[in-house]
Amino acid sequence: MKSRYDFSDQTVFVSGGTNGINLGIADAYAAAGARVAVMSRNAERVASAQVHLARHGGQVSGHTGDVRDYARVQEVLGAVHAQWGDIDVLVSGAAGNFLAPALKLSPNGFKAVVDIDLIGTFHVLHASHPFLKKPGASLINISAPQSYNPAPMQVHACAAKAGMDQIMRVLALEWGEQGIRVNSIVPGPIEGTTGMAKLVSDSARASMAGRVPLRRLGALQDIAAMALFLGSEDASYITGALIPVDGGISLLGARNHAVEETVSASSNAGV
């Protein structure tokens, strides 16, 4: 994706940045000249992402780590800082999800999603603070419509995403005086994600596209473009914002979404 932005000499860190939406964001920053570090639990995906990002000719580093492990998150962020200096843009995107009606959802199942999405988000943002550029750092959460639209079979994701966005708002208040901006992107139904491929049939995908006000599904580049904007000086007065990038589908409200559409659009499974 050709970028209007120049992130040369800037450092970008993306958690969960080895596939889907998050890899698309990392790729856009690499194409814009940034030094890009990604972290994921899967070592093979980390290695593959490094090769993918390195084709732009810039500096890339890959790290294995689980956002549920605060000490490991600290270690990785410290290593990125030691290598390249202050982090200019940090994207928190690691997440997990699955379908389960509330009465059949085990406490462990609920906890698993909360641990990754909510607690993992806190770990990444909290651990990053000593390593951020001050002033000037931009922190970006990859959220989901479940944070404000209740969805059946998604009580775990709804609770976790709502909490994530409150973390974003509180940190925007507390860290604003240091010149740190914190925002959330809310993807709509995006092609090229694991969630879309696994959870939405071809017929459901066509139906979903027909209900999006802009009459198309989103592309990875749509989310990456918003992430570039939020990381740039053009967004220097934006903080504490929850920004849908969804073709307007959130305007329809929760009752207009089929279960698989709600999940696939924003579960972050493979973002």
C-alpha atoms as a PDB file:
ATOM      1  CA  MET A   1       0.000   0.000   0.000  1.00  0.00           C
ATOM      2  CA  LYS A   2       1.468   3.324  -1.098  1.00  0.00           C
ATOM      3  CA  SER A   3       1.511   5.699   1.857  1.00  0.00           C
ATOM      4  CA  ARG A   4       1.227   9.446   2.046  1.00  0.00           C
ATOM      5  CA  TYR A   5       3.069   9.253   5.364  1.00  0.00           C
ATOM      6  CA  ASP A   6       6.769   9.069   6.142  1.00  0.00           C
ATOM      7  CA  PHE A   7       7.637   7.201   9.340  1.00  0.00           C
ATOM      8  CA  SER A   8      11.374   7.028   8.676  1.00  0.00           C
ATOM      9  CA  ASP A   9      13.402   6.961  11.906  1.00  0.00           C
ATOM     10  CA  GLN A  10      10.321   6.020  13.919  1.00  0.00           C
ATOM     11  CA  THR A  11       9.828   2.832  15.907  1.00  0.00           C
ATOM     12  CA  VAL A  12       6.552   0.918  15.767  1.00  0.00           C
ATOM     13  CA  PHE A  13       5.580  -2.067  17.923  1.00  0.00           C
ATOM     14  CA  VAL A  14       2.618  -4.303  17.073  1.00  0.00           C
ATOM     15  CA  SER A  15       1.403  -7.026  19.445  1.00  0.00           C
ATOM     16  CA  GLY A  16      -0.324  -9.822  17.582  1.00  0.00           C
ATOM     17  CA  GLY A  17       1.303  -8.397  14.475  1.00  0.00           C
ATOM     18  CA  THR A  18       1.874 -11.617  12.555  1.00  0.00           C
ATOM     19  CA  ASN A  19      -1.369 -12.086  10.601  1.00  0.00           C
ATOM     20  CA  GLY A  20      -4.607 -10.432   9.517  1.00  0.00           C
ATOM     21  CA  ILE A  21      -5.371  -6.868  10.528  1.00  0.00           C
ATOM     22  CA  ASN A  22      -2.338  -6.479  12.749  1.00  0.00           C
ATOM     23  CA  LEU A  23       0.081  -7.723  10.109  1.00  0.00           C
ATOM     24  CA  GLY A  24      -1.604  -5.367   7.651  1.00  0.00           C
ATOM     25  CA  ILE A  25      -0.905  -2.478  10.023  1.00  0.00           C
ATOM     26  CA  ALA A  26       2.705  -3.556  10.554  1.00  0.00           C
ATOM     27  CA  ASP A  27       3.123  -3.872   6.797  1.00  0.00           C
ATOM     28  CA  ALA A  28       1.782  -0.361   6.196  1.00  0.00           C
ATOM     29  CA  TYR A  29       4.193   1.130   8.724  1.00  0.00           C
ATOM     30  CA  ALA A  30       7.104  -0.816   7.250  1.00  0.00           C
ATOM     31  CA  ALA A  31       6.182   0.463   3.787  1.00  0.00           C
ATOM     32  CA  ALA A  32       6.146   3.988   5.227  1.00  0.00           C
ATOM     33  CA  GLY A  33       9.756   3.585   6.406  1.00  0.00           C
ATOM     34  CA  ALA A  34       9.299   2.739  10.075  1.00  0.00           C
ATOM     35  CA  ARG A  35      11.374   0.304  12.104  1.00  0.00           C
ATOM     36  CA  VAL A  36       8.774  -2.358  12.932  1.00  0.00           C
ATOM     37  CA  ALA A  37       8.739  -4.911  15.744  1.00  0.00           C
ATOM     38  CA  VAL A  38       6.039  -7.556  16.044  1.00  0.00           C
ATOM     39  CA  MET A  39       5.201  -9.977  18.842  1.00  0.00           C
ATOM     40  CA  SER A  40       3.108 -13.145  18.763  1.00  0.00           C
ATOM     41  CA  ARG A  41       2.866 -16.464  20.592  1.00  0.00           C
ATOM     42  CA  ASN A  42       3.521 -18.467  17.412  1.00  0.00           C
ATOM     43  CA  ALA A  43       7.205 -18.632  16.498  1.00  0.00           C
ATOM     44  CA  GLU A  44       6.508 -19.740  12.929  1.00  0.00           C
ATOM     45  CA  ARG A  45       4.187 -16.801  12.347  1.00  0.00           C
ATOM     46  CA  VAL A  46       6.766 -14.456  13.822  1.00  0.00           C
ATOM     47  CA  ALA A  47       9.406 -15.730  11.409  1.00  0.00           C
ATOM     48  CA  SER A  48       7.021 -15.504   8.451  1.00  0.00           C
ATOM     49  CA  ALA A  49       5.975 -11.966   9.384  1.00  0.00           C
ATOM     50  CA  GLN A  50       9.616 -10.872   9.589  1.00  0.00           C
ATOM     51  CA  VAL A  51      10.234 -12.100   6.047  1.00  0.00           C
ATOM     52  CA  HIS A  52       7.048 -10.419   4.830  1.00  0.00           C
ATOM     53  CA  LEU A  53       7.866  -7.069   6.431  1.00  0.00           C
ATOM     54  CA  ALA A  54      11.549  -7.127   5.454  1.00  0.00           C
ATOM     55  CA  ARG A  55      10.653  -6.952   1.766  1.00  0.00           C
ATOM     56  CA  HIS A  56      10.228  -3.195   2.215  1.00  0.00           C
ATOM     57  CA  GLY A  57      13.943  -2.945   2.953  1.00  0.00           C
ATOM     58  CA  GLY A  58      13.697  -1.475   6.435  1.00  0.00           C
ATOM     59  CA  GLN A  59      14.570  -2.727   9.908  1.00  0.00           C
ATOM     60  CA  VAL A  60      12.330  -5.455  11.309  1.00  0.00           C
ATOM     61  CA  SER A  61      12.411  -7.505  14.493  1.00  0.00           C
ATOM     62  CA  GLY A  62      10.193 -10.365  15.602  1.00  0.00           C
ATOM     63  CA  HIS A  63       9.576 -11.626  19.112  1.00  0.00           C
ATOM     64  CA  THR A  64       7.679 -14.538  20.600  1.00  0.00           C
ATOM     65  CA  GLY A  65       5.569 -13.611  23.576  1.00  0.00           C
ATOM     66  CA  ASP A  66       2.139 -13.981  25.137  1.00  0.00           C
ATOM     67  CA  VAL A  67       0.318 -10.804  26.192  1.00  0.00           C
ATOM     68  CA  ARG A  68      -0.934 -12.670  29.260  1.00  0.00           C
ATOM     69  CA  ASP A  69       2.653 -12.868  30.523  1.00  0.00           C
ATOM     70  CA  TYR A  70       3.440  -9.384  31.834  1.00  0.00           C
ATOM     71  CA  ALA A  71       7.107 -10.123  32.491  1.00  0.00           C
ATOM     72  CA  ARG A  72       7.592 -11.344  28.929  1.00  0.00           C
ATOM     73  CA  VAL A  73       5.820  -8.293  27.518  1.00  0.00           C
ATOM     74  CA  GLN A  74       8.151  -6.072  29.553  1.00  0.00           C
ATOM     75  CA  GLU A  75      11.154  -8.039  28.329  1.00  0.00           C
ATOM     76  CA  VAL A  76      10.186  -7.731  24.663  1.00  0.00           C
ATOM     77  CA  LEU A  77       9.380  -4.030  24.867  1.00  0.00           C
ATOM     78  CA  GLY A  78      12.647  -3.426  26.694  1.00  0.00           C
ATOM     79  CA  ALA A  79      14.553  -5.271  23.976  1.00  0.00           C
ATOM     80  CA  VAL A  80      12.894  -3.198  21.241  1.00  0.00           C
ATOM     81  CA  HIS A  81      13.735  -0.012  23.132  1.00  0.00           C
ATOM     82  CA  ALA A  82      17.331  -1.083  23.673  1.00  0.00           C
ATOM     83  CA  GLN A  83      17.692  -1.795  19.964  1.00  0.00           C
ATOM     84  CA  TRP A  84      15.936   1.225  18.467  1.00  0.00           C
ATOM     85  CA  GLY A  85      15.137   3.747  21.194  1.00  0.00           C
ATOM     86  CA  ASP A  86      11.805   5.260  22.186  1.00  0.00           C
ATOM     87  CA  ILE A  87       8.668   3.706  20.723  1.00  0.00           C
ATOM     88  CA  ASP A  88       6.696   6.175  18.611  1.00  0.00           C
ATOM     89  CA  VAL A  89       3.657   4.041  17.794  1.00  0.00           C
ATOM     90  CA  LEU A  90       2.365   1.019  19.683  1.00  0.00           C
ATOM     91  CA  VAL A  91      -0.498  -1.130  18.411  1.00  0.00           C
ATOM     92  CA  SER A  92      -2.183  -3.519  20.854  1.00  0.00           C
ATOM     93  CA  GLY A  93      -4.007  -6.087  18.775  1.00  0.00           C
ATOM     94  CA  ALA A  94      -3.591  -9.577  20.231  1.00  0.00           C
ATOM     95  CA  ALA A  95      -6.993 -11.144  20.890  1.00  0.00           C
ATOM     96  CA  GLY A  96      -9.034 -14.325  20.891  1.00  0.00           C
ATOM     97  CA  ASN A  97     -12.670 -15.314  20.566  1.00  0.00           C
ATOM     98  CA  PHE A  98     -15.120 -18.154  19.975  1.00  0.00           C
ATOM     99  CA  LEU A  99     -18.879 -18.674  19.881  1.00  0.00           C
ATOM    100  CA  ALA A 100     -20.602 -19.772  23.079  1.00  0.00           C
ATOM    101  CA  PRO A 101     -24.012 -19.047  24.593  1.00  0.00           C
ATOM    102  CA  ALA A 102     -23.651 -17.693  28.122  1.00  0.00           C
ATOM    103  CA  LEU A 103     -25.175 -20.729  29.827  1.00  0.00           C
ATOM    104  CA  LYS A 104     -22.766 -23.067  28.051  1.00  0.00           C
ATOM    105  CA  LEU A 105     -19.703 -20.884  28.530  1.00  0.00           C
ATOM    106  CA  SER A 106     -17.434 -22.218  31.245  1.00  0.00           C
ATOM    107  CA  PRO A 107     -15.742 -19.876  33.711  1.00  0.00           C
ATOM    108  CA  ASN A 108     -12.427 -20.926  32.164  1.00  0.00           C
ATOM    109  CA  GLY A 109     -13.708 -20.041  28.705  1.00  0.00           C
ATOM    110  CA  PHE A 110     -14.833 -16.622  29.878  1.00  0.00           C
ATOM    111  CA  LYS A 111     -11.524 -16.085  31.632  1.00  0.00           C
ATOM    112  CA  ALA A 112      -9.512 -17.112  28.563  1.00  0.00           C
ATOM    113  CA  VAL A 113     -10.930 -14.305  26.428  1.00  0.00           C
ATOM    114  CA  VAL A 114     -10.763 -11.747  29.237  1.00  0.00           C
ATOM    115  CA  ASP A 115      -7.153 -12.720  29.943  1.00  0.00           C
ATOM    116  CA  ILE A 116      -6.089 -12.191  26.331  1.00  0.00           C
ATOM    117  CA  ASP A 117      -8.242  -9.240  25.289  1.00  0.00           C
ATOM    118  CA  LEU A 118      -8.652  -7.209  28.469  1.00  0.00           C
ATOM    119  CA  ILE A 119      -5.753  -8.127  30.729  1.00  0.00           C
ATOM    120  CA  GLY A 120      -3.446  -8.550  27.731  1.00  0.00           C
ATOM    121  CA  THR A 121      -4.302  -5.029  26.578  1.00  0.00           C
ATOM    122  CA  PHE A 122      -3.527  -3.646  30.023  1.00  0.00           C
ATOM    123  CA  HIS A 123      -0.232  -5.546  30.082  1.00  0.00           C
ATOM    124  CA  VAL A 124       0.913  -4.190  26.719  1.00  0.00           C
ATOM    125  CA  LEU A 125      -0.086  -0.578  27.367  1.00  0.00           C
ATOM    126  CA  HIS A 126       1.123  -0.502  30.976  1.00  0.00           C
ATOM    127  CA  ALA A 127       4.454  -2.190  30.218  1.00  0.00           C
ATOM    128  CA  SER A 128       5.088   0.136  27.283  1.00  0.00           C
ATOM    129  CA  HIS A 129       5.020   3.366  29.283  1.00  0.00           C
ATOM    130  CA  PRO A 130       8.721   3.558  30.239  1.00  0.00           C
ATOM    131  CA  PHE A 131       9.713   2.990  26.618  1.00  0.00           C
ATOM    132  CA  LEU A 132       7.423   5.483  24.872  1.00  0.00           C
ATOM    133  CA  LYS A 133       8.380   8.736  23.208  1.00  0.00           C
ATOM    134  CA  LYS A 134       7.231  11.549  25.493  1.00  0.00           C
ATOM    135  CA  PRO A 135       5.720  13.689  24.120  1.00  0.00           C
ATOM    136  CA  GLY A 136       4.534  12.249  20.842  1.00  0.00           C
ATOM    137  CA  ALA A 137       3.740   8.558  21.313  1.00  0.00           C
ATOM    138  CA  SER A 138       0.556   7.154  19.790  1.00  0.00           C
ATOM    139  CA  LEU A 139      -1.045   4.050  21.329  1.00  0.00           C
ATOM    140  CA  ILE A 140      -3.674   2.256  19.252  1.00  0.00           C
ATOM    141  CA  ASN A 141      -5.992  -0.518  20.450  1.00  0.00           C
ATOM    142  CA  ILE A 142      -7.704  -2.796  17.958  1.00  0.00           C
ATOM    143  CA  SER A 143     -11.151  -3.070  19.492  1.00  0.00           C
ATOM    144  CA  ALA A 144     -14.467  -4.486  18.229  1.00  0.00           C
ATOM    145  CA  PRO A 145     -18.168  -3.536  17.972  1.00  0.00           C
ATOM    146  CA  GLN A 146     -18.865  -5.876  20.892  1.00  0.00           C
ATOM    147  CA  SER A 147     -17.548  -3.102  23.129  1.00  0.00           C
ATOM    148  CA  TYR A 148     -20.772  -1.160  22.537  1.00  0.00           C
ATOM    149  CA  ASN A 149     -23.110  -3.535  20.632  1.00  0.00           C
ATOM    150  CA  PRO A 150     -24.187  -6.606  22.639  1.00  0.00           C
ATOM    151  CA  ALA A 151     -23.989  -9.782  20.592  1.00  0.00           C
ATOM    152  CA  PRO A 152     -25.482 -13.208  21.330  1.00  0.00           C
ATOM    153  CA  MET A 153     -22.963 -15.945  22.117  1.00  0.00           C
ATOM    154  CA  GLN A 154     -20.386 -13.252  22.854  1.00  0.00           C
ATOM    155  CA  VAL A 155     -20.740 -12.359  26.537  1.00  0.00           C
ATOM    156  CA  HIS A 156     -17.003 -12.961  27.064  1.00  0.00           C
ATOM    157  CA  ALA A 157     -15.928 -10.787  24.128  1.00  0.00           C
ATOM    158  CA  CYS A 158     -18.464  -8.055  24.920  1.00  0.00           C
ATOM    159  CA  ALA A 159     -17.198  -7.774  28.491  1.00  0.00           C
ATOM    160  CA  ALA A 160     -13.538  -7.843  27.456  1.00  0.00           C
ATOM    161  CA  LYS A 161     -13.856  -5.310  24.629  1.00  0.00           C
ATOM    162  CA  ALA A 162     -15.880  -2.888  26.747  1.00  0.00           C
ATOM    163  CA  GLY A 163     -13.164  -3.058  29.373  1.00  0.00           C
ATOM    164  CA  MET A 164     -10.463  -2.516  26.760  1.00  0.00           C
ATOM    165  CA  ASP A 165     -12.051   0.705  25.609  1.00  0.00           C
ATOM    166  CA  GLN A 166     -12.376   1.991  29.155  1.00  0.00           C
ATOM    167  CA  ILE A 167      -8.662   1.296  29.645  1.00  0.00           C
ATOM    168  CA  MET A 168      -8.061   3.372  26.520  1.00  0.00           C
ATOM    169  CA  ARG A 169     -10.144   6.267  27.834  1.00  0.00           C
ATOM    170  CA  VAL A 170      -8.567   6.259  31.295  1.00  0.00           C
ATOM    171  CA  LEU A 171      -5.033   6.201  29.912  1.00  0.00           C
ATOM    172  CA  ALA A 172      -5.922   9.002  27.494  1.00  0.00           C
ATOM    173  CA  LEU A 173      -6.882  11.074  30.546  1.00  0.00           C
ATOM    174  CA  GLU A 174      -3.926  10.093  32.712  1.00  0.00           C
ATOM    175  CA  TRP A 175      -1.159  10.148  30.102  1.00  0.00           C
ATOM    176  CA  GLY A 176      -2.318  13.091  28.027  1.00  0.00           C
ATOM    177  CA  GLU A 177      -0.224  15.555  30.012  1.00  0.00           C
ATOM    178  CA  GLN A 178       2.853  13.602  28.918  1.00  0.00           C
ATOM    179  CA  GLY A 179       1.893  14.031  25.277  1.00  0.00           C
ATOM    180  CA  ILE A 180       0.853  10.386  24.864  1.00  0.00           C
ATOM    181  CA  ARG A 181      -2.254   9.772  22.778  1.00  0.00           C
ATOM    182  CA  VAL A 182      -4.422   6.645  23.207  1.00  0.00           C
ATOM    183  CA  ASN A 183      -7.187   5.633  20.785  1.00  0.00           C
ATOM    184  CA  SER A 184      -9.124   2.565  19.635  1.00  0.00           C
ATOM    185  CA  ILE A 185      -9.943   1.421  16.117  1.00  0.00           C
ATOM    186  CA  VAL A 186     -13.125  -0.633  15.701  1.00  0.00           C
ATOM    187  CA  PRO A 187     -12.928  -2.749  12.532  1.00  0.00           C
ATOM    188  CA  GLY A 188     -16.096  -3.770  10.750  1.00  0.00           C
ATOM    189  CA  PRO A 189     -16.350  -6.886   8.556  1.00  0.00           C
ATOM    190  CA  ILE A 190     -12.871  -7.143   7.063  1.00  0.00           C
ATOM    191  CA  GLU A 191     -11.809  -9.531   4.311  1.00  0.00           C
ATOM    192  CA  GLY A 192      -8.510 -11.350   4.742  1.00  0.00           C
ATOM    193  CA  THR A 193      -8.901 -12.202   8.431  1.00  0.00           C
ATOM    194  CA  THR A 194      -8.985 -15.633  10.031  1.00  0.00           C
ATOM    195  CA  GLY A 195     -12.315 -14.835  11.643  1.00  0.00           C
ATOM    196  CA  MET A 196     -13.926 -14.013   8.321  1.00  0.00           C
ATOM    197  CA  ALA A 197     -12.519 -17.118   6.642  1.00  0.00           C
ATOM    198  CA  LYS A 198     -13.500 -19.539   9.411  1.00  0.00           C
ATOM    199  CA  LEU A 199     -16.796 -18.148  10.652  1.00  0.00           C
ATOM    200  CA  VAL A 200     -18.584 -16.693   7.652  1.00  0.00           C
ATOM    201  CA  SER A 201     -19.899 -18.687   4.695  1.00  0.00           C
ATOM    202  CA  ASP A 202     -19.813 -17.263   1.184  1.00  0.00           C
ATOM    203  CA  SER A 203     -23.575 -16.660   1.248  1.00  0.00           C
ATOM    204  CA  ALA A 204     -23.401 -14.926   4.639  1.00  0.00           C
ATOM    205  CA  ARG A 205     -20.518 -12.785   3.392  1.00  0.00           C
ATOM    206  CA  ALA A 206     -22.558 -11.597   0.415  1.00  0.00           C
ATOM    207  CA  SER A 207     -25.538 -10.859   2.641  1.00  0.00           C
ATOM    208  CA  MET A 208     -23.357  -8.938   5.060  1.00  0.00           C
ATOM    209  CA  ALA A 209     -21.838  -6.814   2.304  1.00  0.00           C
ATOM    210  CA  GLY A 210     -25.339  -5.954   1.117  1.00  0.00           C
ATOM    211  CA  ARG A 211     -26.262  -4.550   4.527  1.00  0.00           C
ATOM    212  CA  VAL A 212     -23.141  -2.436   4.947  1.00  0.00           C
ATOM    213  CA  PRO A 213     -24.193   1.144   4.092  1.00  0.00           C
ATOM    214  CA  LEU A 214     -21.172   1.494   1.798  1.00  0.00           C
ATOM    215  CA  ARG A 215     -22.143  -1.849   0.190  1.00  0.00           C
ATOM    216  CA  ARG A 216     -18.803  -3.588   0.504  1.00  0.00           C
ATOM    217  CA  LEU A 217     -16.726  -5.491   3.016  1.00  0.00           C
ATOM    218  CA  GLY A 218     -13.644  -3.804   4.359  1.00  0.00           C
ATOM    219  CA  ALA A 219     -10.069  -4.521   3.340  1.00  0.00           C
ATOM    220  CA  LEU A 220      -6.973  -4.817   5.506  1.00  0.00           C
ATOM    221  CA  GLN A 221      -5.775  -1.551   3.962  1.00  0.00           C
ATOM    222  CA  ASP A 222      -8.805   0.278   5.375  1.00  0.00           C
ATOM    223  CA  ILE A 223      -7.721  -0.456   8.931  1.00  0.00           C
ATOM    224  CA  ALA A 224      -4.044   0.117   8.173  1.00  0.00           C
ATOM    225  CA  ALA A 225      -4.841   3.554   6.729  1.00  0.00           C
ATOM    226  CA  MET A 226      -6.582   4.592   9.958  1.00  0.00           C
ATOM    227  CA  ALA A 227      -3.671   3.268  12.019  1.00  0.00           C
ATOM    228  CA  LEU A 228      -1.218   5.311   9.930  1.00  0.00           C
ATOM    229  CA  PHE A 229      -3.350   8.401  10.416  1.00  0.00           C
ATOM    230  CA  LEU A 230      -3.557   7.917  14.188  1.00  0.00           C
ATOM    231  CA  GLY A 231       0.203   7.468  14.372  1.00  0.00           C
ATOM    232  CA  SER A 232       0.855  10.635  12.386  1.00  0.00           C
ATOM    233  CA  GLU A 233       1.051  14.326  13.223  1.00  0.00           C
ATOM    234  CA  ASP A 234      -2.262  14.762  11.406  1.00  0.00           C
ATOM    235  CA  ALA A 235      -3.902  13.133  14.450  1.00  0.00           C
ATOM    236  CA  SER A 236      -1.896  15.060  17.045  1.00  0.00           C
ATOM    237  CA  TYR A 237      -5.056  16.426  18.718  1.00  0.00           C
ATOM    238  CA  ILE A 238      -6.985  13.150  18.797  1.00  0.00           C
ATOM    239  CA  THR A 239      -6.995  11.055  21.956  1.00  0.00           C
ATOM    240  CA  GLY A 240      -9.538   8.980  23.844  1.00  0.00           C
ATOM    241  CA  ALA A 241     -11.441   8.242  20.627  1.00  0.00           C
ATOM    242  CA  LEU A 242     -13.259   5.056  19.646  1.00  0.00           C
ATOM    243  CA  ILE A 243     -13.205   5.108  15.846  1.00  0.00           C
ATOM    244  CA  PRO A 244     -15.313   2.680  13.780  1.00  0.00           C
ATOM    245  CA  VAL A 245     -13.846   1.726  10.412  1.00  0.00           C
ATOM    246  CA  ASP A 246     -16.788  -0.362   9.282  1.00  0.00           C
ATOM    247  CA  GLY A 247     -18.509   1.115   6.248  1.00  0.00           C
ATOM    248  CA  GLY A 248     -21.280   2.328   8.549  1.00  0.00           C
ATOM    249  CA  ILE A 249     -22.550  -1.096   9.628  1.00  0.00           C
ATOM    250  CA  SER A 250     -22.456  -0.121  13.312  1.00  0.00           C
ATOM    251  CA  LEU A 251     -25.221   2.399  12.563  1.00  0.00           C
ATOM    252  CA  LEU A 252     -27.605  -0.534  12.141  1.00  0.00           C
ATOM    253  CA  GLY A 253     -27.248  -1.644  15.755  1.00  0.00           C
ATOM    254  CA  ALA A 254     -26.830  -5.066  17.316  1.00  0.00           C
ATOM    255  CA  ARG A 255     -30.251  -6.446  16.361  1.00  0.00           C
ATOM    256  CA  ASN A 256     -29.480  -6.259  12.654  1.00  0.00           C
ATOM    257  CA  HIS A 257     -26.512  -8.637  12.815  1.00  0.00           C
ATOM    258  CA  ALA A 258     -26.571 -12.396  12.492  1.00  0.00           C
ATOM    259  CA  VAL A 259     -24.435 -14.206  15.049  1.00  0.00           C
ATOM    260  CA  GLU A 260     -21.739 -15.216  12.590  1.00  0.00           C
ATOM    261  CA  GLU A 261     -21.607 -11.703  11.157  1.00  0.00           C
ATOM    262  CA  THR A 262     -21.141 -10.132  14.559  1.00  0.00           C
ATOM    263  CA  VAL A 263     -18.323 -12.497  15.402  1.00  0.00           C
ATOM    264  CA  SER A 264     -16.503 -12.522  12.115  1.00  0.00           C
ATOM    265  CA  ALA A 265     -16.600  -8.786  11.710  1.00  0.00           C
ATOM    266  CA  SER A 266     -14.828  -7.989  14.880  1.00  0.00           C
ATOM    267  CA  SER A 267     -13.774 -10.961  16.955  1.00  0.00           C
ATOM    268  CA  ASN A 268     -10.118 -10.192  16.289  1.00  0.00           C
ATOM    269  CA  ALA A 269      -9.626 -13.907  15.733  1.00  0.00           C
ATOM    270  CA  GLY A 270      -6.688 -13.560  13.437  1.00  0.00           C
ATOM    271  CA  VAL A 271      -6.669  -9.774  13.272  1.00  0.00           C
END
